[in-house]
Amino acid sequence: MSSDSPPGPAVMRLRDVSRRFHMLDGPMEVKTALLHPFRFLGRYRHRNPFWAVRDVTLDIARGEFFSIVGANGSGKSTLLRLMAGLSRPTAGTIEATGRISTLLELGSGFHPQVSGRENAILNGLLIGMTRAEIEALLPRIVAFAGLQEFINQPMRTYSSGMYVRLGFAIAAHMDPEILLVDEVLAVGDAHFQEKCYNHIASLRERGVTIVMVSHDLAAVERFSTRAALMERGRIAAIGDPRQIIHRHVERLAQTSTEIRRAIDEAIEARPEEFGRALKDAPEEIREAFERAVAERAAAEQAPATAEGAHAARDDRTGAGDGQ
């Protein structure tokens, strides 16, 4: 069986799944919208469709550790939310067999005004567990999260790391058959991350299916049985994790080169205008622009500095000859 096929019967089936969002033509201030309501309504009616996920067909088998990688904005997290049932596909179907537990956005599913203990109970009730079942699991959840002293405190007092620890402990101990994990583990410290990955490995040994979205390529290679690469909302490749990672890194390098070339051309043409346009751009693009400007400035100064040093040497030589 090829590595792009599931190793057994599928517990998660996606068929031609797409998710469309609508983008406005451009920003409009509230004042302008109030003064010109018809212009606002016209812009609202003529929204541009944006396909975050497009035509994804995928089978994931029981007991797999399936990772999804891709650049920012490629549709990974949107796809995971569709799998979790937190968002409905615009087209296509998703079928899941078994209880799904999720660890997605930081703080997702938590009420900040109530205690960690109460949030754990609420999360269990939402996935169909009885209160008695949850109460029996609570000591293990609290111990795994290391929050014995804080479990009765309101979650508004928790740090981001405490949110992640409790969130993972709840998701991983609620007897899941399918566990969906997004990038939130990156918030925790290295020791807790290792603890989480070891627990995930033990879940997989018990037949739990793991689907993970991550930029941690070392973890993807270490734990995954299969991986998928997403590009512009589509599945570009499925297969052996090492091969998928290699392809992903190659694409990132190619994209970085293309971005740098475009930046260089824009700086050459209209540097000030381009700089203003980047004010709201993603951080990596702004950083690339700033690096490019600095490098260009250094390159332009280097010849002048060299010529100045050469002239100074000539002056000193001439002065010595005259003596």
C-alpha atoms as a PDB file:
ATOM      1  CA  MET A   1       0.000   0.000   0.000  1.00  0.00           C
ATOM      2  CA  SER A   2       1.354   3.426  -0.921  1.00  0.00           C
ATOM      3  CA  SER A   3       2.056   5.955   1.821  1.00  0.00           C
ATOM      4  CA  ASP A   4      -0.582   8.306   0.420  1.00  0.00           C
ATOM      5  CA  SER A   5      -3.281   5.748   1.294  1.00  0.00           C
ATOM      6  CA  PRO A   6      -4.561   5.187   4.854  1.00  0.00           C
ATOM      7  CA  PRO A   7      -3.166   2.037   6.514  1.00  0.00           C
ATOM      8  CA  GLY A   8      -6.637   0.802   7.486  1.00  0.00           C
ATOM      9  CA  PRO A   9     -10.352   1.617   7.615  1.00  0.00           C
ATOM     10  CA  ALA A  10     -10.983   5.354   7.705  1.00  0.00           C
ATOM     11  CA  VAL A  11     -12.430   7.034  10.803  1.00  0.00           C
ATOM     12  CA  MET A  12     -12.326  10.480   9.157  1.00  0.00           C
ATOM     13  CA  ARG A  13     -13.511  10.881   5.564  1.00  0.00           C
ATOM     14  CA  LEU A  14     -13.443  14.139   3.638  1.00  0.00           C
ATOM     15  CA  ARG A  15     -14.882  14.335   0.137  1.00  0.00           C
ATOM     16  CA  ASP A  16     -14.395  17.422  -2.049  1.00  0.00           C
ATOM     17  CA  VAL A  17     -14.482  19.692   1.005  1.00  0.00           C
ATOM     18  CA  SER A  18     -14.337  23.435   0.359  1.00  0.00           C
ATOM     19  CA  ARG A  19     -14.781  26.464   2.604  1.00  0.00           C
ATOM     20  CA  ARG A  20     -15.452  29.883   1.141  1.00  0.00           C
ATOM     21  CA  PHE A  21     -15.272  33.245   2.870  1.00  0.00           C
ATOM     22  CA  HIS A  22     -16.277  36.613   1.462  1.00  0.00           C
ATOM     23  CA  MET A  23     -13.803  39.497   1.396  1.00  0.00           C
ATOM     24  CA  LEU A  24     -14.905  43.119   1.149  1.00  0.00           C
ATOM     25  CA  ASP A  25     -13.421  45.167  -1.694  1.00  0.00           C
ATOM     26  CA  GLY A  26     -11.607  47.367   0.813  1.00  0.00           C
ATOM     27  CA  PRO A  27     -11.849  48.941   4.259  1.00  0.00           C
ATOM     28  CA  MET A  28     -14.415  51.616   4.967  1.00  0.00           C
ATOM     29  CA  GLU A  29     -14.572  53.837   8.029  1.00  0.00           C
ATOM     30  CA  VAL A  30     -17.752  53.810  10.112  1.00  0.00           C
ATOM     31  CA  LYS A  31     -18.250  57.528   9.458  1.00  0.00           C
ATOM     32  CA  THR A  32     -18.072  56.999   5.680  1.00  0.00           C
ATOM     33  CA  ALA A  33     -20.459  54.044   5.874  1.00  0.00           C
ATOM     34  CA  LEU A  34     -23.002  56.130   7.799  1.00  0.00           C
ATOM     35  CA  LEU A  35     -22.728  59.109   5.457  1.00  0.00           C
ATOM     36  CA  HIS A  36     -22.833  56.962   2.313  1.00  0.00           C
ATOM     37  CA  PRO A  37     -24.953  53.886   3.188  1.00  0.00           C
ATOM     38  CA  PHE A  38     -25.671  52.912  -0.418  1.00  0.00           C
ATOM     39  CA  ARG A  39     -21.972  52.871  -1.225  1.00  0.00           C
ATOM     40  CA  PHE A  40     -21.415  50.649   1.824  1.00  0.00           C
ATOM     41  CA  LEU A  41     -24.235  48.274   0.861  1.00  0.00           C
ATOM     42  CA  GLY A  42     -22.962  48.100  -2.691  1.00  0.00           C
ATOM     43  CA  ARG A  43     -19.517  47.173  -1.480  1.00  0.00           C
ATOM     44  CA  TYR A  44     -21.018  44.588   0.866  1.00  0.00           C
ATOM     45  CA  ARG A  45     -23.053  43.023  -1.941  1.00  0.00           C
ATOM     46  CA  HIS A  46     -20.063  42.808  -4.252  1.00  0.00           C
ATOM     47  CA  ARG A  47     -17.792  40.895  -1.930  1.00  0.00           C
ATOM     48  CA  ASN A  48     -14.929  38.872  -3.342  1.00  0.00           C
ATOM     49  CA  PRO A  49     -14.984  35.119  -2.630  1.00  0.00           C
ATOM     50  CA  PHE A  50     -11.923  33.678  -0.900  1.00  0.00           C
ATOM     51  CA  TRP A  51     -11.527  29.900  -0.811  1.00  0.00           C
ATOM     52  CA  ALA A  52      -9.630  29.016   2.376  1.00  0.00           C
ATOM     53  CA  VAL A  53     -10.057  25.290   1.659  1.00  0.00           C
ATOM     54  CA  ARG A  54     -10.698  23.922  -1.824  1.00  0.00           C
ATOM     55  CA  ASP A  55     -11.641  20.423  -3.019  1.00  0.00           C
ATOM     56  CA  VAL A  56      -9.971  18.453  -0.221  1.00  0.00           C
ATOM     57  CA  THR A  57     -10.493  14.689  -0.364  1.00  0.00           C
ATOM     58  CA  LEU A  58      -8.826  12.770   2.436  1.00  0.00           C
ATOM     59  CA  ASP A  59      -9.119   9.529   4.444  1.00  0.00           C
ATOM     60  CA  ILE A  60      -7.521   9.155   7.877  1.00  0.00           C
ATOM     61  CA  ALA A  61      -7.376   5.700   9.457  1.00  0.00           C
ATOM     62  CA  ARG A  62      -7.862   4.553  13.028  1.00  0.00           C
ATOM     63  CA  GLY A  63      -4.654   4.858  15.056  1.00  0.00           C
ATOM     64  CA  GLU A  64      -2.885   7.156  12.598  1.00  0.00           C
ATOM     65  CA  PHE A  65      -0.811  10.157  13.605  1.00  0.00           C
ATOM     66  CA  PHE A  66      -1.600  12.393  10.649  1.00  0.00           C
ATOM     67  CA  SER A  67       0.107  15.784  10.416  1.00  0.00           C
ATOM     68  CA  ILE A  68      -0.781  18.722   8.188  1.00  0.00           C
ATOM     69  CA  VAL A  69       1.950  21.217   7.296  1.00  0.00           C
ATOM     70  CA  GLY A  70       2.040  24.299   5.118  1.00  0.00           C
ATOM     71  CA  ALA A  71       2.854  27.980   5.063  1.00  0.00           C
ATOM     72  CA  ASN A  72       0.821  30.526   7.010  1.00  0.00           C
ATOM     73  CA  GLY A  73      -2.505  31.092   5.288  1.00  0.00           C
ATOM     74  CA  SER A  74      -2.468  27.779   3.422  1.00  0.00           C
ATOM     75  CA  GLY A  75      -5.730  26.617   5.035  1.00  0.00           C
ATOM     76  CA  LYS A  76      -4.440  24.157   7.656  1.00  0.00           C
ATOM     77  CA  SER A  77      -6.285  25.534  10.680  1.00  0.00           C
ATOM     78  CA  THR A  78      -9.478  26.120   8.699  1.00  0.00           C
ATOM     79  CA  LEU A  79      -9.402  22.485   7.587  1.00  0.00           C
ATOM     80  CA  LEU A  80      -8.916  21.320  11.180  1.00  0.00           C
ATOM     81  CA  ARG A  81     -11.881  23.428  12.330  1.00  0.00           C
ATOM     82  CA  LEU A  82     -13.983  21.809   9.613  1.00  0.00           C
ATOM     83  CA  MET A  83     -12.922  18.369  10.853  1.00  0.00           C
ATOM     84  CA  ALA A  84     -13.854  19.376  14.400  1.00  0.00           C
ATOM     85  CA  GLY A  85     -17.312  20.496  13.313  1.00  0.00           C
ATOM     86  CA  LEU A  86     -16.669  24.066  14.461  1.00  0.00           C
ATOM     87  CA  SER A  87     -17.249  25.331  10.930  1.00  0.00           C
ATOM     88  CA  ARG A  88     -19.395  23.968   8.119  1.00  0.00           C
ATOM     89  CA  PRO A  89     -17.999  23.333   4.648  1.00  0.00           C
ATOM     90  CA  THR A  90     -19.378  25.399   1.801  1.00  0.00           C
ATOM     91  CA  ALA A  91     -19.268  22.256  -0.315  1.00  0.00           C
ATOM     92  CA  GLY A  92     -18.374  18.620   0.198  1.00  0.00           C
ATOM     93  CA  THR A  93     -18.890  16.194   3.077  1.00  0.00           C
ATOM     94  CA  ILE A  94     -17.041  15.210   6.252  1.00  0.00           C
ATOM     95  CA  GLU A  95     -17.758  11.955   8.081  1.00  0.00           C
ATOM     96  CA  ALA A  96     -16.170  11.039  11.405  1.00  0.00           C
ATOM     97  CA  THR A  97     -16.520   7.806  13.359  1.00  0.00           C
ATOM     98  CA  GLY A  98     -15.861   8.190  17.069  1.00  0.00           C
ATOM     99  CA  ARG A  99     -15.693  10.809  19.798  1.00  0.00           C
ATOM    100  CA  ILE A 100     -13.707  13.883  18.756  1.00  0.00           C
ATOM    101  CA  SER A 101     -11.668  15.906  21.231  1.00  0.00           C
ATOM    102  CA  THR A 102     -10.022  19.154  20.145  1.00  0.00           C
ATOM    103  CA  LEU A 103      -7.210  21.450  21.191  1.00  0.00           C
ATOM    104  CA  LEU A 104      -7.392  24.385  18.816  1.00  0.00           C
ATOM    105  CA  GLU A 105      -7.079  28.123  19.467  1.00  0.00           C
ATOM    106  CA  LEU A 106      -5.650  29.246  22.794  1.00  0.00           C
ATOM    107  CA  GLY A 107      -8.548  29.580  25.232  1.00  0.00           C
ATOM    108  CA  SER A 108     -11.053  27.993  22.849  1.00  0.00           C
ATOM    109  CA  GLY A 109     -13.947  26.434  24.774  1.00  0.00           C
ATOM    110  CA  PHE A 110     -13.046  28.062  28.095  1.00  0.00           C
ATOM    111  CA  HIS A 111     -15.077  30.586  30.078  1.00  0.00           C
ATOM    112  CA  PRO A 112     -12.634  33.013  31.752  1.00  0.00           C
ATOM    113  CA  GLN A 113     -14.968  33.892  34.624  1.00  0.00           C
ATOM    114  CA  VAL A 114     -15.269  30.371  36.051  1.00  0.00           C
ATOM    115  CA  SER A 115     -12.639  28.100  37.551  1.00  0.00           C
ATOM    116  CA  GLY A 116     -10.431  25.618  35.766  1.00  0.00           C
ATOM    117  CA  ARG A 117     -12.298  22.783  37.488  1.00  0.00           C
ATOM    118  CA  GLU A 118     -15.686  24.041  36.276  1.00  0.00           C
ATOM    119  CA  ASN A 119     -14.332  24.508  32.753  1.00  0.00           C
ATOM    120  CA  ALA A 120     -13.067  20.931  32.720  1.00  0.00           C
ATOM    121  CA  ILE A 121     -16.496  19.677  33.775  1.00  0.00           C
ATOM    122  CA  LEU A 122     -18.244  21.808  31.135  1.00  0.00           C
ATOM    123  CA  ASN A 123     -15.914  20.550  28.393  1.00  0.00           C
ATOM    124  CA  GLY A 124     -16.628  16.955  29.336  1.00  0.00           C
ATOM    125  CA  LEU A 125     -20.380  17.494  29.382  1.00  0.00           C
ATOM    126  CA  LEU A 126     -20.229  19.104  25.929  1.00  0.00           C
ATOM    127  CA  ILE A 127     -18.700  15.990  24.369  1.00  0.00           C
ATOM    128  CA  GLY A 128     -21.280  13.694  25.958  1.00  0.00           C
ATOM    129  CA  MET A 129     -19.581  12.471  29.132  1.00  0.00           C
ATOM    130  CA  THR A 130     -21.481  12.133  32.395  1.00  0.00           C
ATOM    131  CA  ARG A 131     -20.562  14.238  35.401  1.00  0.00           C
ATOM    132  CA  ALA A 132     -19.491  11.089  37.270  1.00  0.00           C
ATOM    133  CA  GLU A 133     -17.099  10.153  34.444  1.00  0.00           C
ATOM    134  CA  ILE A 134     -15.603  13.641  34.437  1.00  0.00           C
ATOM    135  CA  GLU A 135     -15.201  13.764  38.220  1.00  0.00           C
ATOM    136  CA  ALA A 136     -13.340  10.449  38.074  1.00  0.00           C
ATOM    137  CA  LEU A 137     -10.918  11.874  35.494  1.00  0.00           C
ATOM    138  CA  LEU A 138     -10.358  15.254  37.180  1.00  0.00           C
ATOM    139  CA  PRO A 139      -7.463  14.193  39.473  1.00  0.00           C
ATOM    140  CA  ARG A 140      -5.511  12.889  36.452  1.00  0.00           C
ATOM    141  CA  ILE A 141      -6.304  16.019  34.422  1.00  0.00           C
ATOM    142  CA  VAL A 142      -5.183  18.360  37.208  1.00  0.00           C
ATOM    143  CA  ALA A 143      -2.023  16.359  37.906  1.00  0.00           C
ATOM    144  CA  PHE A 144      -1.040  16.248  34.227  1.00  0.00           C
ATOM    145  CA  ALA A 145      -1.548  20.008  33.885  1.00  0.00           C
ATOM    146  CA  GLY A 146       0.344  20.674  37.128  1.00  0.00           C
ATOM    147  CA  LEU A 147      -2.331  23.114  38.269  1.00  0.00           C
ATOM    148  CA  GLN A 148      -3.196  21.671  41.679  1.00  0.00           C
ATOM    149  CA  GLU A 149      -2.870  25.070  43.379  1.00  0.00           C
ATOM    150  CA  PHE A 150      -4.811  26.951  40.699  1.00  0.00           C
ATOM    151  CA  ILE A 151      -7.565  24.605  39.532  1.00  0.00           C
ATOM    152  CA  ASN A 152     -10.217  26.389  41.630  1.00  0.00           C
ATOM    153  CA  GLN A 153      -9.172  29.868  40.470  1.00  0.00           C
ATOM    154  CA  PRO A 154     -11.026  31.747  37.688  1.00  0.00           C
ATOM    155  CA  MET A 155      -9.349  31.137  34.354  1.00  0.00           C
ATOM    156  CA  ARG A 156      -9.050  34.873  33.736  1.00  0.00           C
ATOM    157  CA  THR A 157      -6.137  34.683  36.194  1.00  0.00           C
ATOM    158  CA  TYR A 158      -4.338  32.005  34.138  1.00  0.00           C
ATOM    159  CA  SER A 159      -1.312  32.668  31.956  1.00  0.00           C
ATOM    160  CA  SER A 160      -1.258  31.491  28.329  1.00  0.00           C
ATOM    161  CA  GLY A 161       0.914  28.551  29.371  1.00  0.00           C
ATOM    162  CA  MET A 162      -1.600  27.520  32.035  1.00  0.00           C
ATOM    163  CA  TYR A 163      -4.393  27.699  29.448  1.00  0.00           C
ATOM    164  CA  VAL A 164      -2.464  25.345  27.172  1.00  0.00           C
ATOM    165  CA  ARG A 165      -1.620  22.912  29.967  1.00  0.00           C
ATOM    166  CA  LEU A 166      -5.219  22.625  31.126  1.00  0.00           C
ATOM    167  CA  GLY A 167      -6.576  22.571  27.572  1.00  0.00           C
ATOM    168  CA  PHE A 168      -4.316  19.721  26.521  1.00  0.00           C
ATOM    169  CA  ALA A 169      -4.920  17.774  29.736  1.00  0.00           C
ATOM    170  CA  ILE A 170      -8.686  17.992  29.218  1.00  0.00           C
ATOM    171  CA  ALA A 171      -8.560  17.110  25.510  1.00  0.00           C
ATOM    172  CA  ALA A 172      -6.186  14.181  25.997  1.00  0.00           C
ATOM    173  CA  HIS A 173      -7.896  12.628  29.030  1.00  0.00           C
ATOM    174  CA  MET A 174     -11.543  12.826  27.919  1.00  0.00           C
ATOM    175  CA  ASP A 175     -11.330   9.348  26.365  1.00  0.00           C
ATOM    176  CA  PRO A 176     -11.078  10.621  22.761  1.00  0.00           C
ATOM    177  CA  GLU A 177     -11.195   8.370  19.730  1.00  0.00           C
ATOM    178  CA  ILE A 178     -10.021  11.210  17.471  1.00  0.00           C
ATOM    179  CA  LEU A 179      -7.806  14.006  18.821  1.00  0.00           C
ATOM    180  CA  LEU A 180      -7.387  17.184  16.759  1.00  0.00           C
ATOM    181  CA  VAL A 181      -4.452  19.392  17.787  1.00  0.00           C
ATOM    182  CA  ASP A 182      -3.555  22.788  16.348  1.00  0.00           C
ATOM    183  CA  GLU A 183      -0.393  24.856  16.824  1.00  0.00           C
ATOM    184  CA  VAL A 184      -1.226  25.809  20.437  1.00  0.00           C
ATOM    185  CA  LEU A 185       1.386  23.437  21.907  1.00  0.00           C
ATOM    186  CA  ALA A 186       4.016  25.913  20.725  1.00  0.00           C
ATOM    187  CA  VAL A 187       2.974  28.191  23.606  1.00  0.00           C
ATOM    188  CA  GLY A 188       4.052  25.683  26.271  1.00  0.00           C
ATOM    189  CA  ASP A 189       7.593  25.193  27.530  1.00  0.00           C
ATOM    190  CA  ALA A 190       9.849  22.490  26.095  1.00  0.00           C
ATOM    191  CA  HIS A 191       9.334  20.135  29.050  1.00  0.00           C
ATOM    192  CA  PHE A 192       5.548  20.284  28.777  1.00  0.00           C
ATOM    193  CA  GLN A 193       5.670  19.892  24.983  1.00  0.00           C
ATOM    194  CA  GLU A 194       7.674  16.688  25.391  1.00  0.00           C
ATOM    195  CA  LYS A 195       5.201  15.493  28.015  1.00  0.00           C
ATOM    196  CA  CYS A 196       2.326  16.173  25.603  1.00  0.00           C
ATOM    197  CA  TYR A 197       3.951  14.387  22.683  1.00  0.00           C
ATOM    198  CA  ASN A 198       4.712  11.356  24.845  1.00  0.00           C
ATOM    199  CA  HIS A 199       1.086  11.253  25.975  1.00  0.00           C
ATOM    200  CA  ILE A 200      -0.089  11.571  22.367  1.00  0.00           C
ATOM    201  CA  ALA A 201       2.158   8.632  21.453  1.00  0.00           C
ATOM    202  CA  SER A 202       0.580   6.564  24.234  1.00  0.00           C
ATOM    203  CA  LEU A 203      -2.898   7.498  22.971  1.00  0.00           C
ATOM    204  CA  ARG A 204      -1.966   6.336  19.493  1.00  0.00           C
ATOM    205  CA  GLU A 205      -0.762   3.009  20.885  1.00  0.00           C
ATOM    206  CA  ARG A 206      -4.273   2.600  22.308  1.00  0.00           C
ATOM    207  CA  GLY A 207      -5.782   3.164  18.859  1.00  0.00           C
ATOM    208  CA  VAL A 208      -6.615   6.872  19.136  1.00  0.00           C
ATOM    209  CA  THR A 209      -6.369   8.780  15.851  1.00  0.00           C
ATOM    210  CA  ILE A 210      -4.310  11.981  16.031  1.00  0.00           C
ATOM    211  CA  VAL A 211      -4.576  14.816  13.512  1.00  0.00           C
ATOM    212  CA  MET A 212      -2.092  17.621  14.125  1.00  0.00           C
ATOM    213  CA  VAL A 213      -1.445  20.953  12.432  1.00  0.00           C
ATOM    214  CA  SER A 214       2.063  22.168  13.199  1.00  0.00           C
ATOM    215  CA  HIS A 215       5.049  24.213  12.087  1.00  0.00           C
ATOM    216  CA  ASP A 216       7.270  22.037  14.315  1.00  0.00           C
ATOM    217  CA  LEU A 217       8.752  19.945  11.520  1.00  0.00           C
ATOM    218  CA  ALA A 218      10.942  17.947  13.905  1.00  0.00           C
ATOM    219  CA  ALA A 219       7.844  16.787  15.806  1.00  0.00           C
ATOM    220  CA  VAL A 220       6.039  16.053  12.539  1.00  0.00           C
ATOM    221  CA  GLU A 221       8.880  13.819  11.370  1.00  0.00           C
ATOM    222  CA  ARG A 222       9.301  12.173  14.768  1.00  0.00           C
ATOM    223  CA  PHE A 223       5.696  11.214  15.489  1.00  0.00           C
ATOM    224  CA  SER A 224       3.704  11.156  12.246  1.00  0.00           C
ATOM    225  CA  THR A 225       2.749   8.051  10.323  1.00  0.00           C
ATOM    226  CA  ARG A 226       1.632  10.174   7.346  1.00  0.00           C
ATOM    227  CA  ALA A 227       1.607  13.866   6.521  1.00  0.00           C
ATOM    228  CA  ALA A 228      -0.056  16.232   4.079  1.00  0.00           C
ATOM    229  CA  LEU A 229       1.181  19.495   2.583  1.00  0.00           C
ATOM    230  CA  MET A 230      -1.386  22.245   2.062  1.00  0.00           C
ATOM    231  CA  GLU A 231      -0.899  25.066  -0.420  1.00  0.00           C
ATOM    232  CA  ARG A 232      -3.474  27.772  -1.128  1.00  0.00           C
ATOM    233  CA  GLY A 233      -6.279  25.754   0.417  1.00  0.00           C
ATOM    234  CA  ARG A 234      -5.562  22.526  -1.452  1.00  0.00           C
ATOM    235  CA  ILE A 235      -3.781  19.301  -0.553  1.00  0.00           C
ATOM    236  CA  ALA A 236      -0.594  19.485  -2.616  1.00  0.00           C
ATOM    237  CA  ALA A 237       0.849  16.164  -1.457  1.00  0.00           C
ATOM    238  CA  ILE A 238       0.205  13.288   0.962  1.00  0.00           C
ATOM    239  CA  GLY A 239       2.722  10.677   1.983  1.00  0.00           C
ATOM    240  CA  ASP A 240       5.783   9.863   4.032  1.00  0.00           C
ATOM    241  CA  PRO A 241       6.383  12.633   6.616  1.00  0.00           C
ATOM    242  CA  ARG A 242      10.055  13.037   5.726  1.00  0.00           C
ATOM    243  CA  GLN A 243       9.293  13.478   2.025  1.00  0.00           C
ATOM    244  CA  ILE A 244       6.457  15.910   2.766  1.00  0.00           C
ATOM    245  CA  ILE A 245       8.708  17.980   5.029  1.00  0.00           C
ATOM    246  CA  HIS A 246      11.430  18.070   2.373  1.00  0.00           C
ATOM    247  CA  ARG A 247       8.948  19.285  -0.230  1.00  0.00           C
ATOM    248  CA  HIS A 248       7.525  21.861   2.194  1.00  0.00           C
ATOM    249  CA  VAL A 249      10.972  23.274   2.986  1.00  0.00           C
ATOM    250  CA  GLU A 250      11.807  23.471  -0.721  1.00  0.00           C
ATOM    251  CA  ARG A 251       8.584  25.400  -1.380  1.00  0.00           C
ATOM    252  CA  LEU A 252       9.283  27.780   1.506  1.00  0.00           C
ATOM    253  CA  ALA A 253      12.759  28.495   0.159  1.00  0.00           C
ATOM    254  CA  GLN A 254      11.349  29.127  -3.310  1.00  0.00           C
ATOM    255  CA  THR A 255       8.640  31.419  -1.943  1.00  0.00           C
ATOM    256  CA  SER A 256      11.162  33.359   0.127  1.00  0.00           C
ATOM    257  CA  THR A 257      13.270  33.917  -2.991  1.00  0.00           C
ATOM    258  CA  GLU A 258      10.237  35.150  -4.930  1.00  0.00           C
ATOM    259  CA  ILE A 259       9.229  37.488  -2.107  1.00  0.00           C
ATOM    260  CA  ARG A 260      12.750  38.886  -1.895  1.00  0.00           C
ATOM    261  CA  ARG A 261      12.905  39.477  -5.657  1.00  0.00           C
ATOM    262  CA  ALA A 262       9.566  41.320  -5.606  1.00  0.00           C
ATOM    263  CA  ILE A 263      10.709  43.429  -2.665  1.00  0.00           C
ATOM    264  CA  ASP A 264      13.968  44.349  -4.407  1.00  0.00           C
ATOM    265  CA  GLU A 265      12.071  45.424  -7.520  1.00  0.00           C
ATOM    266  CA  ALA A 266       9.624  47.492  -5.465  1.00  0.00           C
ATOM    267  CA  ILE A 267      12.416  49.195  -3.511  1.00  0.00           C
ATOM    268  CA  GLU A 268      14.142  50.057  -6.773  1.00  0.00           C
ATOM    269  CA  ALA A 269      10.956  51.634  -8.149  1.00  0.00           C
ATOM    270  CA  ARG A 270       9.237  53.397  -5.222  1.00  0.00           C
ATOM    271  CA  PRO A 271      10.899  52.675  -1.870  1.00  0.00           C
ATOM    272  CA  GLU A 272       8.943  55.169   0.259  1.00  0.00           C
ATOM    273  CA  GLU A 273       5.577  54.247  -1.239  1.00  0.00           C
ATOM    274  CA  PHE A 274       6.305  50.543  -0.889  1.00  0.00           C
ATOM    275  CA  GLY A 275       7.313  50.997   2.737  1.00  0.00           C
ATOM    276  CA  ARG A 276       4.009  52.708   3.545  1.00  0.00           C
ATOM    277  CA  ALA A 277       2.079  49.965   1.746  1.00  0.00           C
ATOM    278  CA  LEU A 278       3.746  47.352   3.948  1.00  0.00           C
ATOM    279  CA  LYS A 279       2.512  48.957   7.162  1.00  0.00           C
ATOM    280  CA  ASP A 280      -0.285  46.386   7.501  1.00  0.00           C
ATOM    281  CA  ALA A 281       1.512  43.501   5.800  1.00  0.00           C
ATOM    282  CA  PRO A 282       2.387  40.243   7.622  1.00  0.00           C
ATOM    283  CA  GLU A 283       5.364  40.468   9.944  1.00  0.00           C
ATOM    284  CA  GLU A 284       7.609  38.215   7.850  1.00  0.00           C
ATOM    285  CA  ILE A 285       7.096  40.442   4.794  1.00  0.00           C
ATOM    286  CA  ARG A 286       7.861  43.612   6.758  1.00  0.00           C
ATOM    287  CA  GLU A 287      10.993  42.029   8.204  1.00  0.00           C
ATOM    288  CA  ALA A 288      12.120  40.941   4.742  1.00  0.00           C
ATOM    289  CA  PHE A 289      11.545  44.496   3.477  1.00  0.00           C
ATOM    290  CA  GLU A 290      13.539  46.018   6.356  1.00  0.00           C
ATOM    291  CA  ARG A 291      16.395  43.561   5.825  1.00  0.00           C
ATOM    292  CA  ALA A 292      16.414  44.297   2.102  1.00  0.00           C
ATOM    293  CA  VAL A 293      16.528  48.065   2.677  1.00  0.00           C
ATOM    294  CA  ALA A 294      19.351  47.709   5.209  1.00  0.00           C
ATOM    295  CA  GLU A 295      21.356  45.428   2.933  1.00  0.00           C
ATOM    296  CA  ARG A 296      20.844  47.718  -0.048  1.00  0.00           C
ATOM    297  CA  ALA A 297      21.958  50.741   1.987  1.00  0.00           C
ATOM    298  CA  ALA A 298      25.038  48.867   3.195  1.00  0.00           C
ATOM    299  CA  ALA A 299      25.876  47.809  -0.352  1.00  0.00           C
ATOM    300  CA  GLU A 300      25.569  51.386  -1.603  1.00  0.00           C
ATOM    301  CA  GLN A 301      27.803  52.716   1.179  1.00  0.00           C
ATOM    302  CA  ALA A 302      30.471  50.063   0.822  1.00  0.00           C
ATOM    303  CA  PRO A 303      31.986  51.330  -2.478  1.00  0.00           C
ATOM    304  CA  ALA A 304      32.020  54.910  -1.215  1.00  0.00           C
ATOM    305  CA  THR A 305      33.732  53.819   1.975  1.00  0.00           C
ATOM    306  CA  ALA A 306      36.305  51.846   0.035  1.00  0.00           C
ATOM    307  CA  GLU A 307      37.016  54.800  -2.260  1.00  0.00           C
ATOM    308  CA  GLY A 308      37.378  57.095   0.737  1.00  0.00           C
ATOM    309  CA  ALA A 309      39.821  54.732   2.397  1.00  0.00           C
ATOM    310  CA  HIS A 310      41.802  54.450  -0.841  1.00  0.00           C
ATOM    311  CA  ALA A 311      41.931  58.254  -1.163  1.00  0.00           C
ATOM    312  CA  ALA A 312      43.097  58.570   2.424  1.00  0.00           C
ATOM    313  CA  ARG A 313      45.898  56.106   1.777  1.00  0.00           C
ATOM    314  CA  ASP A 314      46.884  58.090  -1.320  1.00  0.00           C
ATOM    315  CA  ASP A 315      46.995  61.291   0.748  1.00  0.00           C
ATOM    316  CA  ARG A 316      49.151  59.672   3.390  1.00  0.00           C
ATOM    317  CA  THR A 317      51.451  58.248   0.713  1.00  0.00           C
ATOM    318  CA  GLY A 318      51.757  61.624  -0.960  1.00  0.00           C
ATOM    319  CA  ALA A 319      52.543  63.297   2.339  1.00  0.00           C
ATOM    320  CA  GLY A 320      55.227  60.743   3.035  1.00  0.00           C
ATOM    321  CA  ASP A 321      56.815  61.240  -0.393  1.00  0.00           C
ATOM    322  CA  GLY A 322      56.954  64.949   0.119  1.00  0.00           C
ATOM    323  CA  GLN A 323      58.925  64.592   3.343  1.00  0.00           C
END
